[in-house]
Amino acid sequence: MRGPPRHDPLKAPAQSLDRRVLGLWWAASAALVALIAIGCGVAWFLDFLPAPLAVLIVLVAAGLGGLVPPVRYRLWAYEIRAHDLYTSRGGLFVTRTLIPFDRIQFVETRQGPLDRAFSLHQLVVYTAAGQAGRIPGLGDEEAGSLREELSRVAGTVSV
């Protein structure tokens, strides 16, 4: 008879993202809703779209823009385990990924304009096949220590 599994396959990773990522995601959603509103306004002005439909589209986009970030935040998590990096992400569907340390080639941190505005970083893990995983919404110290720890345990170079 086989022994118990090392890890519960249905258990979500233990570490959640920095809560500031919610603000970043809401800001990105607001920008997208603004673009949709402008597009609907132009379509209505040019008589391609009736006013009630344009308003409905903008209201649905705004509703989704407000509701999706908390759901994403609840589903995004990560954990550095004994032999791998375990990530969980999703919105409507949940994707859980295991990245074995012996497959990692290099690790980098990224910071785009919105990330800088919220003082956040993204950690990106690469294998021979390309980008294997990404963890958004990390604070300065957390991103640096994760990058160094993954580089150390994987025997790779961090960027």
Foldseek 3Di string as FASTA:
>chain_A
DDDDDPDDPVDAADAFFDPLVLVLLLVVLVVVLVVLLVVLVVCCVVVNDPPVVSVVVSVVSNVCSNPQSVQQRVFWGWHDDDFWIWTWGDGPDIDIDTGGLQFWAEKEKDADPSCVVSQWIKIWTAGPVGTRDIHTRHHDVRNVVVRVVSCVSSVYDYD
